């Protein structure tokens, strides 16, 4: 297999000049720089645009699908979805999209206010309203719900190793028992469009705490809505995530399922990082662990009615 080229600043400048028609007169054009050190496939372009390059053909398929998905989602949600002002291939078979920058910081930089939680509720409500057939028609895949019991078992072992490193109280995971995990299994017929990547860096938040936009729709899937509740728990904290999901009409079952998906995931991720199996920032992973384990009013897994349905 031919190795994909590595984009350089000169590559980006030439592409940007051809797209924006700036700098062709020798003035240099807008400044370009990587969004993050070591991430050479996402670049700031001046102060108004971001250029995202697919590193391989599989990512290119997702990037092209994302363009269609964003147009499908935009009318349904109350927050901004990035708009592409140019797209094509930056290398043979490798897609790019030049997007208008969504103004604001991230959920890593600003806390979400009560009004911002209502924005998130509108996001979850709108995602549920996107017609599944239309999403499938543009190539959005279906994903099976994860087994919370299998995840719980993995998290129990990971928590013991974190406890040995004085990073976590492993007894906290005893709140989720095997019967409780079984009660929180995903219910049939509840699949909706999910973003499936609601990390703090993908949630655009203004200084006043409003949620202004949601970035990076490449991992979107038709599946378990608890996955997006879990993502929000990690991004903005469990209380805010559960309040937003409740405002969106989700009942205790998916809220608690999302909470425990997030809690198990964050324990496993930090353990993998500390034991050298995963890259990333230890500080960020510890912050995400803390957010997911913030207490909420609805903590106990209670008996659910067998005929309980979610919207």
C-alpha atoms as a PDB file:
ATOM      1  CA  UNK A   1       0.000   0.000   0.000  1.00  0.00           C
ATOM      2  CA  UNK A   2       1.331   3.442  -0.957  1.00  0.00           C
ATOM      3  CA  UNK A   3       2.083   5.585   2.073  1.00  0.00           C
ATOM      4  CA  UNK A   4       0.075   8.792   2.241  1.00  0.00           C
ATOM      5  CA  UNK A   5       2.100  12.007   1.955  1.00  0.00           C
ATOM      6  CA  UNK A   6       2.668  14.109   5.052  1.00  0.00           C
ATOM      7  CA  UNK A   7       1.306  17.636   4.629  1.00  0.00           C
ATOM      8  CA  UNK A   8       3.776  20.458   5.283  1.00  0.00           C
ATOM      9  CA  UNK A   9       3.235  24.159   5.837  1.00  0.00           C
ATOM     10  CA  UNK A  10       4.196  24.748   2.178  1.00  0.00           C
ATOM     11  CA  UNK A  11       1.603  22.159   1.068  1.00  0.00           C
ATOM     12  CA  UNK A  12      -1.065  23.922   3.133  1.00  0.00           C
ATOM     13  CA  UNK A  13      -0.103  27.403   1.923  1.00  0.00           C
ATOM     14  CA  UNK A  14      -0.278  26.365  -1.732  1.00  0.00           C
ATOM     15  CA  UNK A  15      -3.680  24.711  -1.221  1.00  0.00           C
ATOM     16  CA  UNK A  16      -5.072  27.666   0.726  1.00  0.00           C
ATOM     17  CA  UNK A  17      -3.890  30.173  -1.856  1.00  0.00           C
ATOM     18  CA  UNK A  18      -5.669  28.246  -4.597  1.00  0.00           C
ATOM     19  CA  UNK A  19      -8.881  28.058  -2.553  1.00  0.00           C
ATOM     20  CA  UNK A  20      -9.057  31.571  -1.140  1.00  0.00           C
ATOM     21  CA  UNK A  21      -7.336  33.316  -4.039  1.00  0.00           C
ATOM     22  CA  UNK A  22      -5.207  35.137  -1.471  1.00  0.00           C
ATOM     23  CA  UNK A  23      -1.462  35.422  -1.719  1.00  0.00           C
ATOM     24  CA  UNK A  24      -1.355  34.699  -5.443  1.00  0.00           C
ATOM     25  CA  UNK A  25      -0.017  38.226  -5.939  1.00  0.00           C
ATOM     26  CA  UNK A  26       3.023  37.493  -3.793  1.00  0.00           C
ATOM     27  CA  UNK A  27       1.655  38.967  -0.556  1.00  0.00           C
ATOM     28  CA  UNK A  28       1.889  35.616   1.228  1.00  0.00           C
ATOM     29  CA  UNK A  29      -1.766  34.911   1.970  1.00  0.00           C
ATOM     30  CA  UNK A  30      -3.225  33.989   5.388  1.00  0.00           C
ATOM     31  CA  UNK A  31      -1.033  32.482   8.079  1.00  0.00           C
ATOM     32  CA  UNK A  32      -1.303  28.729   8.574  1.00  0.00           C
ATOM     33  CA  UNK A  33      -0.385  26.653  11.620  1.00  0.00           C
ATOM     34  CA  UNK A  34      -1.290  23.225  12.997  1.00  0.00           C
ATOM     35  CA  UNK A  35      -4.222  23.244  15.399  1.00  0.00           C
ATOM     36  CA  UNK A  36      -2.196  21.070  17.756  1.00  0.00           C
ATOM     37  CA  UNK A  37       1.449  20.032  17.905  1.00  0.00           C
ATOM     38  CA  UNK A  38       1.894  16.669  16.221  1.00  0.00           C
ATOM     39  CA  UNK A  39      -1.499  16.889  14.479  1.00  0.00           C
ATOM     40  CA  UNK A  40      -0.404  17.752  10.935  1.00  0.00           C
ATOM     41  CA  UNK A  41      -3.815  17.024   9.360  1.00  0.00           C
ATOM     42  CA  UNK A  42      -5.762  19.918  10.945  1.00  0.00           C
ATOM     43  CA  UNK A  43      -4.650  23.506  10.378  1.00  0.00           C
ATOM     44  CA  UNK A  44      -5.785  26.997  11.366  1.00  0.00           C
ATOM     45  CA  UNK A  45      -6.012  29.211   8.292  1.00  0.00           C
ATOM     46  CA  UNK A  46      -5.855  32.845   9.306  1.00  0.00           C
ATOM     47  CA  UNK A  47      -8.462  33.704  11.933  1.00  0.00           C
ATOM     48  CA  UNK A  48     -11.596  32.624  10.085  1.00  0.00           C
ATOM     49  CA  UNK A  49     -11.035  29.121   8.710  1.00  0.00           C
ATOM     50  CA  UNK A  50      -9.850  25.639   9.612  1.00  0.00           C
ATOM     51  CA  UNK A  51      -8.522  23.135   7.070  1.00  0.00           C
ATOM     52  CA  UNK A  52      -9.030  19.424   7.800  1.00  0.00           C
ATOM     53  CA  UNK A  53      -7.161  16.828   5.754  1.00  0.00           C
ATOM     54  CA  UNK A  54      -7.967  13.117   5.624  1.00  0.00           C
ATOM     55  CA  UNK A  55      -4.802  11.130   6.460  1.00  0.00           C
ATOM     56  CA  UNK A  56      -5.960   7.964   4.656  1.00  0.00           C
ATOM     57  CA  UNK A  57      -8.673   6.715   2.316  1.00  0.00           C
ATOM     58  CA  UNK A  58     -10.920   5.450   5.108  1.00  0.00           C
ATOM     59  CA  UNK A  59     -10.834   8.866   6.749  1.00  0.00           C
ATOM     60  CA  UNK A  60     -11.536  10.420   3.330  1.00  0.00           C
ATOM     61  CA  UNK A  61     -14.756   8.409   3.070  1.00  0.00           C
ATOM     62  CA  UNK A  62     -15.831   9.686   6.492  1.00  0.00           C
ATOM     63  CA  UNK A  63     -14.882  13.267   5.584  1.00  0.00           C
ATOM     64  CA  UNK A  64     -16.981  13.205   2.380  1.00  0.00           C
ATOM     65  CA  UNK A  65     -19.899  11.630   4.262  1.00  0.00           C
ATOM     66  CA  UNK A  66     -19.597  14.315   6.929  1.00  0.00           C
ATOM     67  CA  UNK A  67     -20.229  17.043   4.346  1.00  0.00           C
ATOM     68  CA  UNK A  68     -23.591  15.487   3.470  1.00  0.00           C
ATOM     69  CA  UNK A  69     -24.435  14.720   7.088  1.00  0.00           C
ATOM     70  CA  UNK A  70     -23.838  18.269   8.272  1.00  0.00           C
ATOM     71  CA  UNK A  71     -26.346  19.532   5.706  1.00  0.00           C
ATOM     72  CA  UNK A  72     -28.843  16.924   6.917  1.00  0.00           C
ATOM     73  CA  UNK A  73     -28.385  17.752  10.604  1.00  0.00           C
ATOM     74  CA  UNK A  74     -28.221  21.548  10.392  1.00  0.00           C
ATOM     75  CA  UNK A  75     -31.983  22.249  10.138  1.00  0.00           C
ATOM     76  CA  UNK A  76     -32.723  20.088  13.176  1.00  0.00           C
ATOM     77  CA  UNK A  77     -30.325  21.460  15.805  1.00  0.00           C
ATOM     78  CA  UNK A  78     -30.198  24.869  17.533  1.00  0.00           C
ATOM     79  CA  UNK A  79     -26.393  25.103  17.549  1.00  0.00           C
ATOM     80  CA  UNK A  80     -23.974  25.758  14.702  1.00  0.00           C
ATOM     81  CA  UNK A  81     -22.752  22.917  12.521  1.00  0.00           C
ATOM     82  CA  UNK A  82     -19.585  23.842  10.571  1.00  0.00           C
ATOM     83  CA  UNK A  83     -20.016  24.999   6.991  1.00  0.00           C
ATOM     84  CA  UNK A  84     -17.544  23.976   4.298  1.00  0.00           C
ATOM     85  CA  UNK A  85     -16.527  26.755   1.915  1.00  0.00           C
ATOM     86  CA  UNK A  86     -14.376  24.441  -0.206  1.00  0.00           C
ATOM     87  CA  UNK A  87     -13.698  20.735  -0.428  1.00  0.00           C
ATOM     88  CA  UNK A  88     -11.916  18.297  -2.692  1.00  0.00           C
ATOM     89  CA  UNK A  89      -8.769  16.127  -2.635  1.00  0.00           C
ATOM     90  CA  UNK A  90      -5.437  17.406  -1.315  1.00  0.00           C
ATOM     91  CA  UNK A  91      -3.670  14.266  -2.566  1.00  0.00           C
ATOM     92  CA  UNK A  92      -4.929  11.416  -4.777  1.00  0.00           C
ATOM     93  CA  UNK A  93      -7.950   9.866  -2.995  1.00  0.00           C
ATOM     94  CA  UNK A  94      -7.463  11.964   0.167  1.00  0.00           C
ATOM     95  CA  UNK A  95     -10.192  14.472   0.921  1.00  0.00           C
ATOM     96  CA  UNK A  96      -9.993  17.892   2.527  1.00  0.00           C
ATOM     97  CA  UNK A  97     -12.579  20.407   3.691  1.00  0.00           C
ATOM     98  CA  UNK A  98     -11.961  24.078   4.373  1.00  0.00           C
ATOM     99  CA  UNK A  99     -14.509  25.118   6.999  1.00  0.00           C
ATOM    100  CA  UNK A 100     -15.599  28.469   8.341  1.00  0.00           C
ATOM    101  CA  UNK A 101     -14.497  28.743  11.959  1.00  0.00           C
ATOM    102  CA  UNK A 102     -17.284  28.484  14.550  1.00  0.00           C
ATOM    103  CA  UNK A 103     -16.569  31.359  17.004  1.00  0.00           C
ATOM    104  CA  UNK A 104     -15.995  30.467  20.642  1.00  0.00           C
ATOM    105  CA  UNK A 105     -13.808  28.410  22.896  1.00  0.00           C
ATOM    106  CA  UNK A 106     -14.246  24.780  23.877  1.00  0.00           C
ATOM    107  CA  UNK A 107     -15.829  22.967  26.794  1.00  0.00           C
ATOM    108  CA  UNK A 108     -12.264  22.488  28.047  1.00  0.00           C
ATOM    109  CA  UNK A 109     -11.969  26.282  28.340  1.00  0.00           C
ATOM    110  CA  UNK A 110     -15.442  27.467  29.409  1.00  0.00           C
ATOM    111  CA  UNK A 111     -18.055  26.023  31.749  1.00  0.00           C
ATOM    112  CA  UNK A 112     -21.504  25.426  30.287  1.00  0.00           C
ATOM    113  CA  UNK A 113     -24.226  27.609  31.837  1.00  0.00           C
ATOM    114  CA  UNK A 114     -27.843  26.646  32.521  1.00  0.00           C
ATOM    115  CA  UNK A 115     -28.789  28.191  29.183  1.00  0.00           C
ATOM    116  CA  UNK A 116     -25.959  26.196  27.622  1.00  0.00           C
ATOM    117  CA  UNK A 117     -27.487  23.021  29.051  1.00  0.00           C
ATOM    118  CA  UNK A 118     -30.695  23.954  27.244  1.00  0.00           C
ATOM    119  CA  UNK A 119     -28.624  24.297  24.068  1.00  0.00           C
ATOM    120  CA  UNK A 120     -27.335  20.750  24.621  1.00  0.00           C
ATOM    121  CA  UNK A 121     -30.886  19.530  25.222  1.00  0.00           C
ATOM    122  CA  UNK A 122     -31.851  21.062  21.876  1.00  0.00           C
ATOM    123  CA  UNK A 123     -28.920  19.259  20.267  1.00  0.00           C
ATOM    124  CA  UNK A 124     -30.025  15.874  21.642  1.00  0.00           C
ATOM    125  CA  UNK A 125     -33.636  16.552  20.673  1.00  0.00           C
ATOM    126  CA  UNK A 126     -32.639  17.554  17.164  1.00  0.00           C
ATOM    127  CA  UNK A 127     -30.394  14.516  16.689  1.00  0.00           C
ATOM    128  CA  UNK A 128     -33.323  12.287  17.566  1.00  0.00           C
ATOM    129  CA  UNK A 129     -35.449  14.097  14.955  1.00  0.00           C
ATOM    130  CA  UNK A 130     -33.052  13.418  12.059  1.00  0.00           C
ATOM    131  CA  UNK A 131     -34.738  10.746   9.883  1.00  0.00           C
ATOM    132  CA  UNK A 132     -32.797   7.506  10.167  1.00  0.00           C
ATOM    133  CA  UNK A 133     -33.533   6.536   6.560  1.00  0.00           C
ATOM    134  CA  UNK A 134     -32.040   9.766   5.275  1.00  0.00           C
ATOM    135  CA  UNK A 135     -28.948   9.282   7.416  1.00  0.00           C
ATOM    136  CA  UNK A 136     -28.518   5.727   6.153  1.00  0.00           C
ATOM    137  CA  UNK A 137     -29.004   6.890   2.569  1.00  0.00           C
ATOM    138  CA  UNK A 138     -25.899   9.072   2.804  1.00  0.00           C
ATOM    139  CA  UNK A 139     -23.843   6.262   4.321  1.00  0.00           C
ATOM    140  CA  UNK A 140     -24.134   6.787   8.082  1.00  0.00           C
ATOM    141  CA  UNK A 141     -23.490   3.338   9.610  1.00  0.00           C
ATOM    142  CA  UNK A 142     -25.503   1.554  12.287  1.00  0.00           C
ATOM    143  CA  UNK A 143     -23.648   0.490  15.427  1.00  0.00           C
ATOM    144  CA  UNK A 144     -24.732  -2.100  17.969  1.00  0.00           C
ATOM    145  CA  UNK A 145     -25.032  -0.928  21.588  1.00  0.00           C
ATOM    146  CA  UNK A 146     -22.123  -1.830  23.839  1.00  0.00           C
ATOM    147  CA  UNK A 147     -22.483  -4.344  26.652  1.00  0.00           C
ATOM    148  CA  UNK A 148     -22.401  -2.356  29.880  1.00  0.00           C
ATOM    149  CA  UNK A 149     -21.728  -5.541  31.863  1.00  0.00           C
ATOM    150  CA  UNK A 150     -18.654  -6.359  29.775  1.00  0.00           C
ATOM    151  CA  UNK A 151     -17.474  -2.769  30.151  1.00  0.00           C
ATOM    152  CA  UNK A 152     -18.139  -2.887  33.909  1.00  0.00           C
ATOM    153  CA  UNK A 153     -15.931  -5.977  34.296  1.00  0.00           C
ATOM    154  CA  UNK A 154     -13.097  -4.301  32.405  1.00  0.00           C
ATOM    155  CA  UNK A 155     -13.481  -1.157  34.504  1.00  0.00           C
ATOM    156  CA  UNK A 156     -13.399  -3.112  37.772  1.00  0.00           C
ATOM    157  CA  UNK A 157      -9.985  -4.568  36.888  1.00  0.00           C
ATOM    158  CA  UNK A 158      -8.749  -1.186  35.651  1.00  0.00           C
ATOM    159  CA  UNK A 159      -9.955   0.522  38.844  1.00  0.00           C
ATOM    160  CA  UNK A 160      -7.970  -1.922  40.972  1.00  0.00           C
ATOM    161  CA  UNK A 161      -4.807  -0.943  39.109  1.00  0.00           C
ATOM    162  CA  UNK A 162      -5.652   2.753  39.488  1.00  0.00           C
ATOM    163  CA  UNK A 163      -6.206   2.195  43.201  1.00  0.00           C
ATOM    164  CA  UNK A 164      -2.779   0.562  43.481  1.00  0.00           C
ATOM    165  CA  UNK A 165      -1.331   3.695  41.893  1.00  0.00           C
ATOM    166  CA  UNK A 166      -3.294   5.863  44.363  1.00  0.00           C
ATOM    167  CA  UNK A 167      -5.284   7.395  41.489  1.00  0.00           C
ATOM    168  CA  UNK A 168      -8.826   6.192  42.259  1.00  0.00           C
ATOM    169  CA  UNK A 169     -11.027   4.576  44.897  1.00  0.00           C
ATOM    170  CA  UNK A 170     -11.919   1.232  43.310  1.00  0.00           C
ATOM    171  CA  UNK A 171     -14.865   0.790  45.691  1.00  0.00           C
ATOM    172  CA  UNK A 172     -16.738   3.505  43.784  1.00  0.00           C
ATOM    173  CA  UNK A 173     -17.340   1.056  40.950  1.00  0.00           C
ATOM    174  CA  UNK A 174     -19.197  -1.267  43.328  1.00  0.00           C
ATOM    175  CA  UNK A 175     -22.191   1.060  42.918  1.00  0.00           C
ATOM    176  CA  UNK A 176     -22.781  -0.602  39.555  1.00  0.00           C
ATOM    177  CA  UNK A 177     -23.620  -4.261  40.180  1.00  0.00           C
ATOM    178  CA  UNK A 178     -24.108  -6.951  37.511  1.00  0.00           C
ATOM    179  CA  UNK A 179     -27.916  -6.806  37.978  1.00  0.00           C
ATOM    180  CA  UNK A 180     -27.758  -3.039  37.706  1.00  0.00           C
ATOM    181  CA  UNK A 181     -25.754  -3.239  34.478  1.00  0.00           C
ATOM    182  CA  UNK A 182     -28.340  -5.690  33.123  1.00  0.00           C
ATOM    183  CA  UNK A 183     -31.135  -3.262  33.960  1.00  0.00           C
ATOM    184  CA  UNK A 184     -29.300  -0.561  32.044  1.00  0.00           C
ATOM    185  CA  UNK A 185     -28.950  -2.585  28.845  1.00  0.00           C
ATOM    186  CA  UNK A 186     -29.906  -0.640  25.721  1.00  0.00           C
ATOM    187  CA  UNK A 187     -33.557  -1.040  24.846  1.00  0.00           C
ATOM    188  CA  UNK A 188     -34.658  -2.300  21.402  1.00  0.00           C
ATOM    189  CA  UNK A 189     -35.893   0.284  18.969  1.00  0.00           C
ATOM    190  CA  UNK A 190     -34.150   3.259  20.586  1.00  0.00           C
ATOM    191  CA  UNK A 191     -31.414   3.837  17.986  1.00  0.00           C
ATOM    192  CA  UNK A 192     -31.056   7.466  16.864  1.00  0.00           C
ATOM    193  CA  UNK A 193     -28.442   9.531  15.071  1.00  0.00           C
ATOM    194  CA  UNK A 194     -25.543  10.000  17.476  1.00  0.00           C
ATOM    195  CA  UNK A 195     -22.520  12.268  17.130  1.00  0.00           C
ATOM    196  CA  UNK A 196     -20.403   9.590  18.812  1.00  0.00           C
ATOM    197  CA  UNK A 197     -17.562  11.992  19.534  1.00  0.00           C
ATOM    198  CA  UNK A 198     -18.820  14.644  21.947  1.00  0.00           C
ATOM    199  CA  UNK A 199     -15.474  15.397  23.557  1.00  0.00           C
ATOM    200  CA  UNK A 200     -14.786  18.744  25.160  1.00  0.00           C
ATOM    201  CA  UNK A 201     -12.801  19.953  22.149  1.00  0.00           C
ATOM    202  CA  UNK A 202     -15.771  19.300  19.848  1.00  0.00           C
ATOM    203  CA  UNK A 203     -18.245  21.326  21.941  1.00  0.00           C
ATOM    204  CA  UNK A 204     -17.885  25.051  21.144  1.00  0.00           C
ATOM    205  CA  UNK A 205     -18.751  27.180  24.179  1.00  0.00           C
ATOM    206  CA  UNK A 206     -18.783  30.977  24.408  1.00  0.00           C
ATOM    207  CA  UNK A 207     -17.487  32.920  27.391  1.00  0.00           C
ATOM    208  CA  UNK A 208     -21.059  33.309  28.718  1.00  0.00           C
ATOM    209  CA  UNK A 209     -21.532  29.517  28.842  1.00  0.00           C
ATOM    210  CA  UNK A 210     -23.748  29.128  25.763  1.00  0.00           C
ATOM    211  CA  UNK A 211     -23.082  26.160  23.483  1.00  0.00           C
ATOM    212  CA  UNK A 212     -22.485  27.700  20.074  1.00  0.00           C
ATOM    213  CA  UNK A 213     -21.592  24.725  17.914  1.00  0.00           C
ATOM    214  CA  UNK A 214     -20.613  21.070  17.594  1.00  0.00           C
ATOM    215  CA  UNK A 215     -17.543  20.098  15.563  1.00  0.00           C
ATOM    216  CA  UNK A 216     -16.269  16.947  13.820  1.00  0.00           C
ATOM    217  CA  UNK A 217     -19.165  14.746  12.692  1.00  0.00           C
ATOM    218  CA  UNK A 218     -16.943  12.074  11.118  1.00  0.00           C
ATOM    219  CA  UNK A 219     -17.748   9.381  13.714  1.00  0.00           C
ATOM    220  CA  UNK A 220     -21.536   9.850  13.628  1.00  0.00           C
ATOM    221  CA  UNK A 221     -23.612   6.672  13.658  1.00  0.00           C
ATOM    222  CA  UNK A 222     -27.154   5.421  14.111  1.00  0.00           C
ATOM    223  CA  UNK A 223     -27.094   3.800  17.502  1.00  0.00           C
ATOM    224  CA  UNK A 224     -27.401   4.106  21.249  1.00  0.00           C
ATOM    225  CA  UNK A 225     -28.341   7.647  22.408  1.00  0.00           C
ATOM    226  CA  UNK A 226     -26.636   6.916  25.744  1.00  0.00           C
ATOM    227  CA  UNK A 227     -23.300   7.217  23.912  1.00  0.00           C
ATOM    228  CA  UNK A 228     -23.865  10.946  23.385  1.00  0.00           C
ATOM    229  CA  UNK A 229     -25.033  11.346  26.994  1.00  0.00           C
ATOM    230  CA  UNK A 230     -21.790   9.631  28.016  1.00  0.00           C
ATOM    231  CA  UNK A 231     -19.790  11.941  25.761  1.00  0.00           C
ATOM    232  CA  UNK A 232     -21.390  14.992  27.346  1.00  0.00           C
ATOM    233  CA  UNK A 233     -20.704  13.620  30.844  1.00  0.00           C
ATOM    234  CA  UNK A 234     -17.002  13.530  29.968  1.00  0.00           C
ATOM    235  CA  UNK A 235     -17.088  16.890  28.174  1.00  0.00           C
ATOM    236  CA  UNK A 236     -19.169  19.043  30.540  1.00  0.00           C
ATOM    237  CA  UNK A 237     -19.690  16.907  33.659  1.00  0.00           C
ATOM    238  CA  UNK A 238     -22.279  14.326  34.637  1.00  0.00           C
ATOM    239  CA  UNK A 239     -24.802  16.677  36.293  1.00  0.00           C
ATOM    240  CA  UNK A 240     -24.973  18.975  33.251  1.00  0.00           C
ATOM    241  CA  UNK A 241     -25.150  16.010  30.854  1.00  0.00           C
ATOM    242  CA  UNK A 242     -27.998  14.354  32.754  1.00  0.00           C
ATOM    243  CA  UNK A 243     -29.913  17.634  33.087  1.00  0.00           C
ATOM    244  CA  UNK A 244     -29.564  18.239  29.337  1.00  0.00           C
ATOM    245  CA  UNK A 245     -30.668  14.684  28.495  1.00  0.00           C
ATOM    246  CA  UNK A 246     -33.653  14.994  30.843  1.00  0.00           C
ATOM    247  CA  UNK A 247     -34.645  18.301  29.218  1.00  0.00           C
ATOM    248  CA  UNK A 248     -34.428  16.489  25.876  1.00  0.00           C
ATOM    249  CA  UNK A 249     -37.005  13.964  27.096  1.00  0.00           C
ATOM    250  CA  UNK A 250     -34.759  11.033  28.000  1.00  0.00           C
ATOM    251  CA  UNK A 251     -35.779   9.067  31.078  1.00  0.00           C
ATOM    252  CA  UNK A 252     -33.707   7.568  33.909  1.00  0.00           C
ATOM    253  CA  UNK A 253     -32.595   4.462  32.004  1.00  0.00           C
ATOM    254  CA  UNK A 254     -30.643   6.115  29.147  1.00  0.00           C
ATOM    255  CA  UNK A 255     -29.374   8.837  31.493  1.00  0.00           C
ATOM    256  CA  UNK A 256     -27.941   6.314  33.947  1.00  0.00           C
ATOM    257  CA  UNK A 257     -26.673   4.123  31.122  1.00  0.00           C
ATOM    258  CA  UNK A 258     -24.810   7.101  29.655  1.00  0.00           C
ATOM    259  CA  UNK A 259     -23.455   8.026  33.082  1.00  0.00           C
ATOM    260  CA  UNK A 260     -22.023   4.544  33.663  1.00  0.00           C
ATOM    261  CA  UNK A 261     -20.648   4.221  30.139  1.00  0.00           C
ATOM    262  CA  UNK A 262     -18.724   7.433  30.802  1.00  0.00           C
ATOM    263  CA  UNK A 263     -17.541   6.345  34.232  1.00  0.00           C
ATOM    264  CA  UNK A 264     -16.282   2.966  33.042  1.00  0.00           C
ATOM    265  CA  UNK A 265     -14.679   4.460  29.926  1.00  0.00           C
ATOM    266  CA  UNK A 266     -12.741   7.108  31.863  1.00  0.00           C
ATOM    267  CA  UNK A 267     -11.386   4.573  34.358  1.00  0.00           C
ATOM    268  CA  UNK A 268     -10.210   2.309  31.527  1.00  0.00           C
ATOM    269  CA  UNK A 269      -8.682   5.144  29.485  1.00  0.00           C
ATOM    270  CA  UNK A 270      -6.656   6.546  32.380  1.00  0.00           C
ATOM    271  CA  UNK A 271      -5.403   3.060  33.262  1.00  0.00           C
ATOM    272  CA  UNK A 272      -4.373   2.413  29.651  1.00  0.00           C
ATOM    273  CA  UNK A 273      -2.521   5.734  29.579  1.00  0.00           C
ATOM    274  CA  UNK A 274      -0.678   5.154  32.845  1.00  0.00           C
ATOM    275  CA  UNK A 275       0.345   1.659  31.739  1.00  0.00           C
ATOM    276  CA  UNK A 276       1.638   2.875  28.389  1.00  0.00           C
ATOM    277  CA  UNK A 277      -1.055   1.409  26.131  1.00  0.00           C
ATOM    278  CA  UNK A 278      -2.567   4.714  25.041  1.00  0.00           C
ATOM    279  CA  UNK A 279      -1.258   8.173  24.267  1.00  0.00           C
ATOM    280  CA  UNK A 280      -2.841  11.393  25.408  1.00  0.00           C
ATOM    281  CA  UNK A 281      -2.618  13.880  28.222  1.00  0.00           C
ATOM    282  CA  UNK A 282      -2.711  12.431  31.722  1.00  0.00           C
ATOM    283  CA  UNK A 283      -4.019  15.735  33.029  1.00  0.00           C
ATOM    284  CA  UNK A 284      -6.923  15.760  30.579  1.00  0.00           C
ATOM    285  CA  UNK A 285      -7.760  12.105  31.286  1.00  0.00           C
ATOM    286  CA  UNK A 286      -7.856  12.827  35.022  1.00  0.00           C
ATOM    287  CA  UNK A 287     -10.133  15.817  34.404  1.00  0.00           C
ATOM    288  CA  UNK A 288     -12.452  13.651  32.315  1.00  0.00           C
ATOM    289  CA  UNK A 289     -12.488  11.017  35.061  1.00  0.00           C
ATOM    290  CA  UNK A 290     -13.437  13.660  37.610  1.00  0.00           C
ATOM    291  CA  UNK A 291     -16.231  15.017  35.411  1.00  0.00           C
ATOM    292  CA  UNK A 292     -17.726  11.593  34.757  1.00  0.00           C
ATOM    293  CA  UNK A 293     -17.719  10.774  38.476  1.00  0.00           C
ATOM    294  CA  UNK A 294     -19.363  13.992  39.620  1.00  0.00           C
ATOM    295  CA  UNK A 295     -22.403  12.980  41.714  1.00  0.00           C
ATOM    296  CA  UNK A 296     -25.913  13.456  40.368  1.00  0.00           C
ATOM    297  CA  UNK A 297     -29.293  13.300  42.072  1.00  0.00           C
ATOM    298  CA  UNK A 298     -30.260  10.126  40.211  1.00  0.00           C
ATOM    299  CA  UNK A 299     -27.485   7.749  41.268  1.00  0.00           C
ATOM    300  CA  UNK A 300     -29.172   4.480  42.130  1.00  0.00           C
ATOM    301  CA  UNK A 301     -30.232   1.955  39.535  1.00  0.00           C
ATOM    302  CA  UNK A 302     -33.872   1.386  40.420  1.00  0.00           C
ATOM    303  CA  UNK A 303     -36.413  -1.079  39.067  1.00  0.00           C
ATOM    304  CA  UNK A 304     -37.610   0.039  35.668  1.00  0.00           C
ATOM    305  CA  UNK A 305     -40.994  -0.829  34.312  1.00  0.00           C
ATOM    306  CA  UNK A 306     -40.744  -3.414  31.579  1.00  0.00           C
ATOM    307  CA  UNK A 307     -42.920  -1.321  29.278  1.00  0.00           C
ATOM    308  CA  UNK A 308     -40.879   1.847  29.781  1.00  0.00           C
ATOM    309  CA  UNK A 309     -40.197   3.508  26.446  1.00  0.00           C
ATOM    310  CA  UNK A 310     -38.051   6.437  25.478  1.00  0.00           C
ATOM    311  CA  UNK A 311     -39.005   9.106  22.945  1.00  0.00           C
END
